[in-house]
Amino acid sequence: IVPGIFESRVDTVGGDKVTTYDIRLKK
């Protein structure tokens, strides 16, 4: 992995999508 902006996971909470992003600053 390199530094960047990544989609870590997508969940559904109460019918709505919620996305966790990995904001990686360091290798």
mmCIF file of all heavy atoms, coordinates in Angstrom:
data_MODEL
# 
_entry.id   MODEL 
# 
loop_
_atom_site.group_PDB 
_atom_site.id 
_atom_site.type_symbol 
_atom_site.label_atom_id 
_atom_site.label_alt_id 
_atom_site.label_comp_id 
_atom_site.label_asym_id 
_atom_site.label_entity_id 
_atom_site.label_seq_id 
_atom_site.pdbx_PDB_ins_code 
_atom_site.Cartn_x 
_atom_site.Cartn_y 
_atom_site.Cartn_z 
_atom_site.occupancy 
_atom_site.B_iso_or_equiv 
_atom_site.pdbx_formal_charge 
_atom_site.auth_seq_id 
_atom_site.auth_comp_id 
_atom_site.auth_asym_id 
_atom_site.auth_atom_id 
_atom_site.pdbx_PDB_model_num 
ATOM 1   N N   . ILE A 1 1  ? 0.832   -1.209 0.000  1.00 0.00 ? 1  ILE A N   1 
ATOM 2   C CA  . ILE A 1 1  ? 0.000   0.000  0.000  1.00 0.00 ? 1  ILE A CA  1 
ATOM 3   C C   . ILE A 1 1  ? 0.868   1.262  0.000  1.00 0.00 ? 1  ILE A C   1 
ATOM 4   O O   . ILE A 1 1  ? 1.940   1.304  0.596  1.00 0.00 ? 1  ILE A O   1 
ATOM 5   C CB  . ILE A 1 1  ? -1.000  0.003  1.177  1.00 0.00 ? 1  ILE A CB  1 
ATOM 6   C CG1 . ILE A 1 1  ? -2.094  1.042  0.948  1.00 0.00 ? 1  ILE A CG1 1 
ATOM 7   C CG2 . ILE A 1 1  ? -0.303  0.222  2.495  1.00 0.00 ? 1  ILE A CG2 1 
ATOM 8   C CD1 . ILE A 1 1  ? -3.257  0.900  1.908  1.00 0.00 ? 1  ILE A CD1 1 
ATOM 9   N N   . VAL A 1 2  ? 0.409   2.246  -0.718 1.00 0.00 ? 2  VAL A N   1 
ATOM 10  C CA  . VAL A 1 2  ? 1.073   3.548  -0.787 1.00 0.00 ? 2  VAL A CA  1 
ATOM 11  C C   . VAL A 1 2  ? 0.163   4.584  -0.143 1.00 0.00 ? 2  VAL A C   1 
ATOM 12  O O   . VAL A 1 2  ? -1.027  4.324  0.058  1.00 0.00 ? 2  VAL A O   1 
ATOM 13  C CB  . VAL A 1 2  ? 1.379   3.942  -2.253 1.00 0.00 ? 2  VAL A CB  1 
ATOM 14  C CG1 . VAL A 1 2  ? 2.348   2.951  -2.892 1.00 0.00 ? 2  VAL A CG1 1 
ATOM 15  C CG2 . VAL A 1 2  ? 0.108   4.078  -3.078 1.00 0.00 ? 2  VAL A CG2 1 
ATOM 16  N N   . PRO A 1 3  ? 0.674   5.744  0.191  1.00 0.00 ? 3  PRO A N   1 
ATOM 17  C CA  . PRO A 1 3  ? -0.221  6.788  0.690  1.00 0.00 ? 3  PRO A CA  1 
ATOM 18  C C   . PRO A 1 3  ? -1.321  7.083  -0.335 1.00 0.00 ? 3  PRO A C   1 
ATOM 19  O O   . PRO A 1 3  ? -1.097  7.013  -1.546 1.00 0.00 ? 3  PRO A O   1 
ATOM 20  C CB  . PRO A 1 3  ? 0.711   7.982  0.870  1.00 0.00 ? 3  PRO A CB  1 
ATOM 21  C CG  . PRO A 1 3  ? 2.051   7.363  1.137  1.00 0.00 ? 3  PRO A CG  1 
ATOM 22  C CD  . PRO A 1 3  ? 2.080   6.155  0.236  1.00 0.00 ? 3  PRO A CD  1 
ATOM 23  N N   . GLY A 1 4  ? -2.507  7.383  0.168  1.00 0.00 ? 4  GLY A N   1 
ATOM 24  C CA  . GLY A 1 4  ? -3.611  7.677  -0.729 1.00 0.00 ? 4  GLY A CA  1 
ATOM 25  C C   . GLY A 1 4  ? -4.946  7.702  -0.022 1.00 0.00 ? 4  GLY A C   1 
ATOM 26  O O   . GLY A 1 4  ? -5.020  7.748  1.211  1.00 0.00 ? 4  GLY A O   1 
ATOM 27  N N   . ILE A 1 5  ? -5.994  7.645  -0.829 1.00 0.00 ? 5  ILE A N   1 
ATOM 28  C CA  . ILE A 1 5  ? -7.381  7.704  -0.366 1.00 0.00 ? 5  ILE A CA  1 
ATOM 29  C C   . ILE A 1 5  ? -8.072  6.446  -0.879 1.00 0.00 ? 5  ILE A C   1 
ATOM 30  O O   . ILE A 1 5  ? -8.233  6.278  -2.091 1.00 0.00 ? 5  ILE A O   1 
ATOM 31  C CB  . ILE A 1 5  ? -8.083  8.960  -0.929 1.00 0.00 ? 5  ILE A CB  1 
ATOM 32  C CG1 . ILE A 1 5  ? -7.328  10.224 -0.531 1.00 0.00 ? 5  ILE A CG1 1 
ATOM 33  C CG2 . ILE A 1 5  ? -9.544  9.009  -0.484 1.00 0.00 ? 5  ILE A CG2 1 
ATOM 34  C CD1 . ILE A 1 5  ? -7.747  11.464 -1.320 1.00 0.00 ? 5  ILE A CD1 1 
ATOM 35  N N   . PHE A 1 6  ? -8.464  5.559  0.022  1.00 0.00 ? 6  PHE A N   1 
ATOM 36  C CA  . PHE A 1 6  ? -8.996  4.264  -0.372 1.00 0.00 ? 6  PHE A CA  1 
ATOM 37  C C   . PHE A 1 6  ? -10.360 4.007  0.265  1.00 0.00 ? 6  PHE A C   1 
ATOM 38  O O   . PHE A 1 6  ? -10.596 4.404  1.397  1.00 0.00 ? 6  PHE A O   1 
ATOM 39  C CB  . PHE A 1 6  ? -8.046  3.145  0.070  1.00 0.00 ? 6  PHE A CB  1 
ATOM 40  C CG  . PHE A 1 6  ? -6.628  3.368  -0.380 1.00 0.00 ? 6  PHE A CG  1 
ATOM 41  C CD1 . PHE A 1 6  ? -5.683  3.893  0.480  1.00 0.00 ? 6  PHE A CD1 1 
ATOM 42  C CD2 . PHE A 1 6  ? -6.257  3.073  -1.677 1.00 0.00 ? 6  PHE A CD2 1 
ATOM 43  C CE1 . PHE A 1 6  ? -4.381  4.117  0.070  1.00 0.00 ? 6  PHE A CE1 1 
ATOM 44  C CE2 . PHE A 1 6  ? -4.949  3.289  -2.109 1.00 0.00 ? 6  PHE A CE2 1 
ATOM 45  C CZ  . PHE A 1 6  ? -4.007  3.812  -1.231 1.00 0.00 ? 6  PHE A CZ  1 
ATOM 46  N N   . GLU A 1 7  ? -11.216 3.310  -0.461 1.00 0.00 ? 7  GLU A N   1 
ATOM 47  C CA  . GLU A 1 7  ? -12.473 2.843  0.118  1.00 0.00 ? 7  GLU A CA  1 
ATOM 48  C C   . GLU A 1 7  ? -12.147 1.599  0.924  1.00 0.00 ? 7  GLU A C   1 
ATOM 49  O O   . GLU A 1 7  ? -11.698 0.597  0.376  1.00 0.00 ? 7  GLU A O   1 
ATOM 50  C CB  . GLU A 1 7  ? -13.471 2.520  -0.984 1.00 0.00 ? 7  GLU A CB  1 
ATOM 51  C CG  . GLU A 1 7  ? -14.806 2.033  -0.452 1.00 0.00 ? 7  GLU A CG  1 
ATOM 52  C CD  . GLU A 1 7  ? -15.741 1.651  -1.572 1.00 0.00 ? 7  GLU A CD  1 
ATOM 53  O OE1 . GLU A 1 7  ? -16.295 2.569  -2.214 1.00 0.00 ? 7  GLU A OE1 1 
ATOM 54  O OE2 . GLU A 1 7  ? -15.906 0.434  -1.797 1.00 0.00 ? 7  GLU A OE2 1 
ATOM 55  N N   . SER A 1 8  ? -12.372 1.656  2.222  1.00 0.00 ? 8  SER A N   1 
ATOM 56  C CA  . SER A 1 8  ? -12.079 0.531  3.091  1.00 0.00 ? 8  SER A CA  1 
ATOM 57  C C   . SER A 1 8  ? -13.252 -0.435 3.161  1.00 0.00 ? 8  SER A C   1 
ATOM 58  O O   . SER A 1 8  ? -13.083 -1.638 3.072  1.00 0.00 ? 8  SER A O   1 
ATOM 59  C CB  . SER A 1 8  ? -11.718 1.033  4.491  1.00 0.00 ? 8  SER A CB  1 
ATOM 60  O OG  . SER A 1 8  ? -11.452 -0.021 5.354  1.00 0.00 ? 8  SER A OG  1 
ATOM 61  N N   . ARG A 1 9  ? -14.457 0.113  3.334  1.00 0.00 ? 9  ARG A N   1 
ATOM 62  C CA  . ARG A 1 9  ? -15.655 -0.737 3.406  1.00 0.00 ? 9  ARG A CA  1 
ATOM 63  C C   . ARG A 1 9  ? -16.896 0.104  3.203  1.00 0.00 ? 9  ARG A C   1 
ATOM 64  O O   . ARG A 1 9  ? -16.894 1.310  3.437  1.00 0.00 ? 9  ARG A O   1 
ATOM 65  C CB  . ARG A 1 9  ? -15.711 -1.491 4.719  1.00 0.00 ? 9  ARG A CB  1 
ATOM 66  C CG  . ARG A 1 9  ? -15.770 -0.590 5.934  1.00 0.00 ? 9  ARG A CG  1 
ATOM 67  C CD  . ARG A 1 9  ? -15.783 -1.328 7.240  1.00 0.00 ? 9  ARG A CD  1 
ATOM 68  N NE  . ARG A 1 9  ? -17.043 -1.990 7.423  1.00 0.00 ? 9  ARG A NE  1 
ATOM 69  C CZ  . ARG A 1 9  ? -17.229 -3.017 8.246  1.00 0.00 ? 9  ARG A CZ  1 
ATOM 70  N NH1 . ARG A 1 9  ? -16.230 -3.483 8.945  1.00 0.00 ? 9  ARG A NH1 1 
ATOM 71  N NH2 . ARG A 1 9  ? -18.408 -3.571 8.379  1.00 0.00 ? 9  ARG A NH2 1 
ATOM 72  N N   . VAL A 1 10 ? -17.963 -0.565 2.789  1.00 0.00 ? 10 VAL A N   1 
ATOM 73  C CA  . VAL A 1 10 ? -19.267 0.070  2.634  1.00 0.00 ? 10 VAL A CA  1 
ATOM 74  C C   . VAL A 1 10 ? -20.253 -0.751 3.451  1.00 0.00 ? 10 VAL A C   1 
ATOM 75  O O   . VAL A 1 10 ? -20.321 -1.967 3.321  1.00 0.00 ? 10 VAL A O   1 
ATOM 76  C CB  . VAL A 1 10 ? -19.710 0.115  1.157  1.00 0.00 ? 10 VAL A CB  1 
ATOM 77  C CG1 . VAL A 1 10 ? -21.087 0.771  1.035  1.00 0.00 ? 10 VAL A CG1 1 
ATOM 78  C CG2 . VAL A 1 10 ? -18.686 0.835  0.298  1.00 0.00 ? 10 VAL A CG2 1 
ATOM 79  N N   . ASP A 1 11 ? -20.994 -0.080 4.315  1.00 0.00 ? 11 ASP A N   1 
ATOM 80  C CA  . ASP A 1 11 ? -21.989 -0.731 5.158  1.00 0.00 ? 11 ASP A CA  1 
ATOM 81  C C   . ASP A 1 11 ? -23.352 -0.118 4.883  1.00 0.00 ? 11 ASP A C   1 
ATOM 82  O O   . ASP A 1 11 ? -23.451 1.013  4.400  1.00 0.00 ? 11 ASP A O   1 
ATOM 83  C CB  . ASP A 1 11 ? -21.650 -0.544 6.637  1.00 0.00 ? 11 ASP A CB  1 
ATOM 84  C CG  . ASP A 1 11 ? -20.346 -1.224 7.009  1.00 0.00 ? 11 ASP A CG  1 
ATOM 85  O OD1 . ASP A 1 11 ? -20.298 -2.454 6.970  1.00 0.00 ? 11 ASP A OD1 1 
ATOM 86  O OD2 . ASP A 1 11 ? -19.375 -0.506 7.330  1.00 0.00 ? 11 ASP A OD2 1 
ATOM 87  N N   . THR A 1 12 ? -24.380 -0.862 5.217  1.00 0.00 ? 12 THR A N   1 
ATOM 88  C CA  . THR A 1 12 ? -25.735 -0.333 5.160  1.00 0.00 ? 12 THR A CA  1 
ATOM 89  C C   . THR A 1 12 ? -26.229 -0.209 6.591  1.00 0.00 ? 12 THR A C   1 
ATOM 90  O O   . THR A 1 12 ? -26.224 -1.181 7.343  1.00 0.00 ? 12 THR A O   1 
ATOM 91  C CB  . THR A 1 12 ? -26.654 -1.249 4.334  1.00 0.00 ? 12 THR A CB  1 
ATOM 92  O OG1 . THR A 1 12 ? -26.103 -1.378 3.018  1.00 0.00 ? 12 THR A OG1 1 
ATOM 93  C CG2 . THR A 1 12 ? -28.056 -0.666 4.238  1.00 0.00 ? 12 THR A CG2 1 
ATOM 94  N N   . VAL A 1 13 ? -26.608 1.004  6.955  1.00 0.00 ? 13 VAL A N   1 
ATOM 95  C CA  . VAL A 1 13 ? -27.082 1.294  8.304  1.00 0.00 ? 13 VAL A CA  1 
ATOM 96  C C   . VAL A 1 13 ? -28.476 1.917  8.168  1.00 0.00 ? 13 VAL A C   1 
ATOM 97  O O   . VAL A 1 13 ? -28.617 2.997  7.607  1.00 0.00 ? 13 VAL A O   1 
ATOM 98  C CB  . VAL A 1 13 ? -26.118 2.252  9.047  1.00 0.00 ? 13 VAL A CB  1 
ATOM 99  C CG1 . VAL A 1 13 ? -26.633 2.560  10.434 1.00 0.00 ? 13 VAL A CG1 1 
ATOM 100 C CG2 . VAL A 1 13 ? -24.712 1.690  9.094  1.00 0.00 ? 13 VAL A CG2 1 
ATOM 101 N N   . GLY A 1 14 ? -29.477 1.231  8.681  1.00 0.00 ? 14 GLY A N   1 
ATOM 102 C CA  . GLY A 1 14 ? -30.843 1.750  8.588  1.00 0.00 ? 14 GLY A CA  1 
ATOM 103 C C   . GLY A 1 14 ? -31.282 1.996  7.159  1.00 0.00 ? 14 GLY A C   1 
ATOM 104 O O   . GLY A 1 14 ? -32.006 2.945  6.890  1.00 0.00 ? 14 GLY A O   1 
ATOM 105 N N   . GLY A 1 15 ? -30.817 1.186  6.231  1.00 0.00 ? 15 GLY A N   1 
ATOM 106 C CA  . GLY A 1 15 ? -31.177 1.349  4.822  1.00 0.00 ? 15 GLY A CA  1 
ATOM 107 C C   . GLY A 1 15 ? -30.304 2.325  4.060  1.00 0.00 ? 15 GLY A C   1 
ATOM 108 O O   . GLY A 1 15 ? -30.442 2.451  2.844  1.00 0.00 ? 15 GLY A O   1 
ATOM 109 N N   . ASP A 1 16 ? -29.417 3.030  4.758  1.00 0.00 ? 16 ASP A N   1 
ATOM 110 C CA  . ASP A 1 16 ? -28.539 4.005  4.107  1.00 0.00 ? 16 ASP A CA  1 
ATOM 111 C C   . ASP A 1 16 ? -27.113 3.476  4.028  1.00 0.00 ? 16 ASP A C   1 
ATOM 112 O O   . ASP A 1 16 ? -26.624 2.824  4.954  1.00 0.00 ? 16 ASP A O   1 
ATOM 113 C CB  . ASP A 1 16 ? -28.530 5.320  4.891  1.00 0.00 ? 16 ASP A CB  1 
ATOM 114 C CG  . ASP A 1 16 ? -29.892 5.981  4.924  1.00 0.00 ? 16 ASP A CG  1 
ATOM 115 O OD1 . ASP A 1 16 ? -30.589 5.970  3.893  1.00 0.00 ? 16 ASP A OD1 1 
ATOM 116 O OD2 . ASP A 1 16 ? -30.258 6.509  5.992  1.00 0.00 ? 16 ASP A OD2 1 
ATOM 117 N N   . LYS A 1 17 ? -26.431 3.793  2.947  1.00 0.00 ? 17 LYS A N   1 
ATOM 118 C CA  . LYS A 1 17 ? -25.038 3.394  2.804  1.00 0.00 ? 17 LYS A CA  1 
ATOM 119 C C   . LYS A 1 17 ? -24.134 4.331  3.592  1.00 0.00 ? 17 LYS A C   1 
ATOM 120 O O   . LYS A 1 17 ? -24.355 5.535  3.653  1.00 0.00 ? 17 LYS A O   1 
ATOM 121 C CB  . LYS A 1 17 ? -24.623 3.392  1.339  1.00 0.00 ? 17 LYS A CB  1 
ATOM 122 C CG  . LYS A 1 17 ? -25.297 2.293  0.551  1.00 0.00 ? 17 LYS A CG  1 
ATOM 123 C CD  . LYS A 1 17 ? -24.491 1.917  -0.646 1.00 0.00 ? 17 LYS A CD  1 
ATOM 124 C CE  . LYS A 1 17 ? -25.187 0.887  -1.482 1.00 0.00 ? 17 LYS A CE  1 
ATOM 125 N NZ  . LYS A 1 17 ? -25.126 -0.446 -0.993 1.00 0.00 ? 17 LYS A NZ  1 
ATOM 126 N N   . VAL A 1 18 ? -23.118 3.749  4.208  1.00 0.00 ? 18 VAL A N   1 
ATOM 127 C CA  . VAL A 1 18 ? -22.097 4.475  4.960  1.00 0.00 ? 18 VAL A CA  1 
ATOM 128 C C   . VAL A 1 18 ? -20.751 3.913  4.505  1.00 0.00 ? 18 VAL A C   1 
ATOM 129 O O   . VAL A 1 18 ? -20.571 2.693  4.471  1.00 0.00 ? 18 VAL A O   1 
ATOM 130 C CB  . VAL A 1 18 ? -22.285 4.268  6.486  1.00 0.00 ? 18 VAL A CB  1 
ATOM 131 C CG1 . VAL A 1 18 ? -21.162 4.904  7.260  1.00 0.00 ? 18 VAL A CG1 1 
ATOM 132 C CG2 . VAL A 1 18 ? -23.628 4.818  6.941  1.00 0.00 ? 18 VAL A CG2 1 
ATOM 133 N N   . THR A 1 19 ? -19.828 4.801  4.149  1.00 0.00 ? 19 THR A N   1 
ATOM 134 C CA  . THR A 1 19 ? -18.543 4.350  3.623  1.00 0.00 ? 19 THR A CA  1 
ATOM 135 C C   . THR A 1 19 ? -17.404 4.767  4.541  1.00 0.00 ? 19 THR A C   1 
ATOM 136 O O   . THR A 1 19 ? -17.336 5.916  4.982  1.00 0.00 ? 19 THR A O   1 
ATOM 137 C CB  . THR A 1 19 ? -18.291 4.928  2.212  1.00 0.00 ? 19 THR A CB  1 
ATOM 138 O OG1 . THR A 1 19 ? -19.404 4.576  1.382  1.00 0.00 ? 19 THR A OG1 1 
ATOM 139 C CG2 . THR A 1 19 ? -17.013 4.381  1.608  1.00 0.00 ? 19 THR A CG2 1 
ATOM 140 N N   . THR A 1 20 ? -16.525 3.804  4.816  1.00 0.00 ? 20 THR A N   1 
ATOM 141 C CA  . THR A 1 20 ? -15.304 4.062  5.577  1.00 0.00 ? 20 THR A CA  1 
ATOM 142 C C   . THR A 1 20 ? -14.164 4.178  4.584  1.00 0.00 ? 20 THR A C   1 
ATOM 143 O O   . THR A 1 20 ? -13.962 3.284  3.749  1.00 0.00 ? 20 THR A O   1 
ATOM 144 C CB  . THR A 1 20 ? -15.013 2.923  6.564  1.00 0.00 ? 20 THR A CB  1 
ATOM 145 O OG1 . THR A 1 20 ? -16.130 2.773  7.443  1.00 0.00 ? 20 THR A OG1 1 
ATOM 146 C CG2 . THR A 1 20 ? -13.750 3.211  7.379  1.00 0.00 ? 20 THR A CG2 1 
ATOM 147 N N   . TYR A 1 21 ? -13.426 5.280  4.679  1.00 0.00 ? 21 TYR A N   1 
ATOM 148 C CA  . TYR A 1 21 ? -12.270 5.521  3.821  1.00 0.00 ? 21 TYR A CA  1 
ATOM 149 C C   . TYR A 1 21 ? -10.997 5.429  4.644  1.00 0.00 ? 21 TYR A C   1 
ATOM 150 O O   . TYR A 1 21 ? -10.944 5.874  5.784  1.00 0.00 ? 21 TYR A O   1 
ATOM 151 C CB  . TYR A 1 21 ? -12.348 6.910  3.173  1.00 0.00 ? 21 TYR A CB  1 
ATOM 152 C CG  . TYR A 1 21 ? -13.554 7.070  2.280  1.00 0.00 ? 21 TYR A CG  1 
ATOM 153 C CD1 . TYR A 1 21 ? -14.742 7.588  2.777  1.00 0.00 ? 21 TYR A CD1 1 
ATOM 154 C CD2 . TYR A 1 21 ? -13.506 6.688  0.942  1.00 0.00 ? 21 TYR A CD2 1 
ATOM 155 C CE1 . TYR A 1 21 ? -15.851 7.726  1.967  1.00 0.00 ? 21 TYR A CE1 1 
ATOM 156 C CE2 . TYR A 1 21 ? -14.621 6.827  0.122  1.00 0.00 ? 21 TYR A CE2 1 
ATOM 157 C CZ  . TYR A 1 21 ? -15.789 7.347  0.648  1.00 0.00 ? 21 TYR A CZ  1 
ATOM 158 O OH  . TYR A 1 21 ? -16.897 7.482  -0.159 1.00 0.00 ? 21 TYR A OH  1 
ATOM 159 N N   . ASP A 1 22 ? -9.981  4.875  4.032  1.00 0.00 ? 22 ASP A N   1 
ATOM 160 C CA  . ASP A 1 22 ? -8.635  4.771  4.589  1.00 0.00 ? 22 ASP A CA  1 
ATOM 161 C C   . ASP A 1 22 ? -7.854  5.927  3.985  1.00 0.00 ? 22 ASP A C   1 
ATOM 162 O O   . ASP A 1 22 ? -7.638  5.970  2.779  1.00 0.00 ? 22 ASP A O   1 
ATOM 163 C CB  . ASP A 1 22 ? -8.069  3.410  4.169  1.00 0.00 ? 22 ASP A CB  1 
ATOM 164 C CG  . ASP A 1 22 ? -6.599  3.198  4.461  1.00 0.00 ? 22 ASP A CG  1 
ATOM 165 O OD1 . ASP A 1 22 ? -5.835  4.173  4.587  1.00 0.00 ? 22 ASP A OD1 1 
ATOM 166 O OD2 . ASP A 1 22 ? -6.193  2.029  4.513  1.00 0.00 ? 22 ASP A OD2 1 
ATOM 167 N N   . ILE A 1 23 ? -7.476  6.880  4.818  1.00 0.00 ? 23 ILE A N   1 
ATOM 168 C CA  . ILE A 1 23 ? -6.679  8.020  4.371  1.00 0.00 ? 23 ILE A CA  1 
ATOM 169 C C   . ILE A 1 23 ? -5.256  7.742  4.847  1.00 0.00 ? 23 ILE A C   1 
ATOM 170 O O   . ILE A 1 23 ? -4.903  8.014  5.993  1.00 0.00 ? 23 ILE A O   1 
ATOM 171 C CB  . ILE A 1 23 ? -7.228  9.356  4.946  1.00 0.00 ? 23 ILE A CB  1 
ATOM 172 C CG1 . ILE A 1 23 ? -8.758  9.441  4.797  1.00 0.00 ? 23 ILE A CG1 1 
ATOM 173 C CG2 . ILE A 1 23 ? -6.501  10.536 4.314  1.00 0.00 ? 23 ILE A CG2 1 
ATOM 174 C CD1 . ILE A 1 23 ? -9.297  9.247  3.401  1.00 0.00 ? 23 ILE A CD1 1 
ATOM 175 N N   . ARG A 1 24 ? -4.469  7.179  3.965  1.00 0.00 ? 24 ARG A N   1 
ATOM 176 C CA  . ARG A 1 24 ? -3.145  6.659  4.330  1.00 0.00 ? 24 ARG A CA  1 
ATOM 177 C C   . ARG A 1 24 ? -2.069  7.690  4.016  1.00 0.00 ? 24 ARG A C   1 
ATOM 178 O O   . ARG A 1 24 ? -1.846  8.033  2.878  1.00 0.00 ? 24 ARG A O   1 
ATOM 179 C CB  . ARG A 1 24 ? -2.898  5.374  3.551  1.00 0.00 ? 24 ARG A CB  1 
ATOM 180 C CG  . ARG A 1 24 ? -1.722  4.592  4.000  1.00 0.00 ? 24 ARG A CG  1 
ATOM 181 C CD  . ARG A 1 24 ? -1.933  3.951  5.342  1.00 0.00 ? 24 ARG A CD  1 
ATOM 182 N NE  . ARG A 1 24 ? -3.029  2.995  5.312  1.00 0.00 ? 24 ARG A NE  1 
ATOM 183 C CZ  . ARG A 1 24 ? -3.106  1.911  6.045  1.00 0.00 ? 24 ARG A CZ  1 
ATOM 184 N NH1 . ARG A 1 24 ? -2.150  1.602  6.886  1.00 0.00 ? 24 ARG A NH1 1 
ATOM 185 N NH2 . ARG A 1 24 ? -4.150  1.113  5.971  1.00 0.00 ? 24 ARG A NH2 1 
ATOM 186 N N   . LEU A 1 25 ? -1.379  8.159  5.060  1.00 0.00 ? 25 LEU A N   1 
ATOM 187 C CA  . LEU A 1 25 ? -0.324  9.155  4.896  1.00 0.00 ? 25 LEU A CA  1 
ATOM 188 C C   . LEU A 1 25 ? 1.058   8.546  4.757  1.00 0.00 ? 25 LEU A C   1 
ATOM 189 O O   . LEU A 1 25 ? 1.961   9.167  4.198  1.00 0.00 ? 25 LEU A O   1 
ATOM 190 C CB  . LEU A 1 25 ? -0.311  10.128 6.081  1.00 0.00 ? 25 LEU A CB  1 
ATOM 191 C CG  . LEU A 1 25 ? -1.333  11.249 6.080  1.00 0.00 ? 25 LEU A CG  1 
ATOM 192 C CD1 . LEU A 1 25 ? -2.751  10.755 6.213  1.00 0.00 ? 25 LEU A CD1 1 
ATOM 193 C CD2 . LEU A 1 25 ? -1.018  12.247 7.171  1.00 0.00 ? 25 LEU A CD2 1 
ATOM 194 N N   . LYS A 1 26 ? 1.244   7.362  5.303  1.00 0.00 ? 26 LYS A N   1 
ATOM 195 C CA  . LYS A 1 26 ? 2.563   6.713  5.332  1.00 0.00 ? 26 LYS A CA  1 
ATOM 196 C C   . LYS A 1 26 ? 2.481   5.303  4.759  1.00 0.00 ? 26 LYS A C   1 
ATOM 197 O O   . LYS A 1 26 ? 1.456   4.648  4.860  1.00 0.00 ? 26 LYS A O   1 
ATOM 198 C CB  . LYS A 1 26 ? 3.102   6.642  6.770  1.00 0.00 ? 26 LYS A CB  1 
ATOM 199 C CG  . LYS A 1 26 ? 3.363   7.995  7.392  1.00 0.00 ? 26 LYS A CG  1 
ATOM 200 C CD  . LYS A 1 26 ? 4.526   8.632  6.702  1.00 0.00 ? 26 LYS A CD  1 
ATOM 201 C CE  . LYS A 1 26 ? 4.830   10.013 7.205  1.00 0.00 ? 26 LYS A CE  1 
ATOM 202 N NZ  . LYS A 1 26 ? 5.914   10.623 6.445  1.00 0.00 ? 26 LYS A NZ  1 
ATOM 203 N N   . LYS A 1 27 ? 3.581   4.827  4.205  1.00 0.00 ? 27 LYS A N   1 
ATOM 204 C CA  . LYS A 1 27 ? 3.676   3.453  3.720  1.00 0.00 ? 27 LYS A CA  1 
ATOM 205 C C   . LYS A 1 27 ? 3.865   2.547  4.928  1.00 0.00 ? 27 LYS A C   1 
ATOM 206 O O   . LYS A 1 27 ? 4.901   2.612  5.592  1.00 0.00 ? 27 LYS A O   1 
ATOM 207 C CB  . LYS A 1 27 ? 4.863   3.291  2.779  1.00 0.00 ? 27 LYS A CB  1 
ATOM 208 C CG  . LYS A 1 27 ? 4.752   4.049  1.486  1.00 0.00 ? 27 LYS A CG  1 
ATOM 209 C CD  . LYS A 1 27 ? 6.025   3.884  0.666  1.00 0.00 ? 27 LYS A CD  1 
ATOM 210 C CE  . LYS A 1 27 ? 5.968   4.750  -0.568 1.00 0.00 ? 27 LYS A CE  1 
ATOM 211 N NZ  . LYS A 1 27 ? 7.250   4.711  -1.301 1.00 0.00 ? 27 LYS A NZ  1 
# 
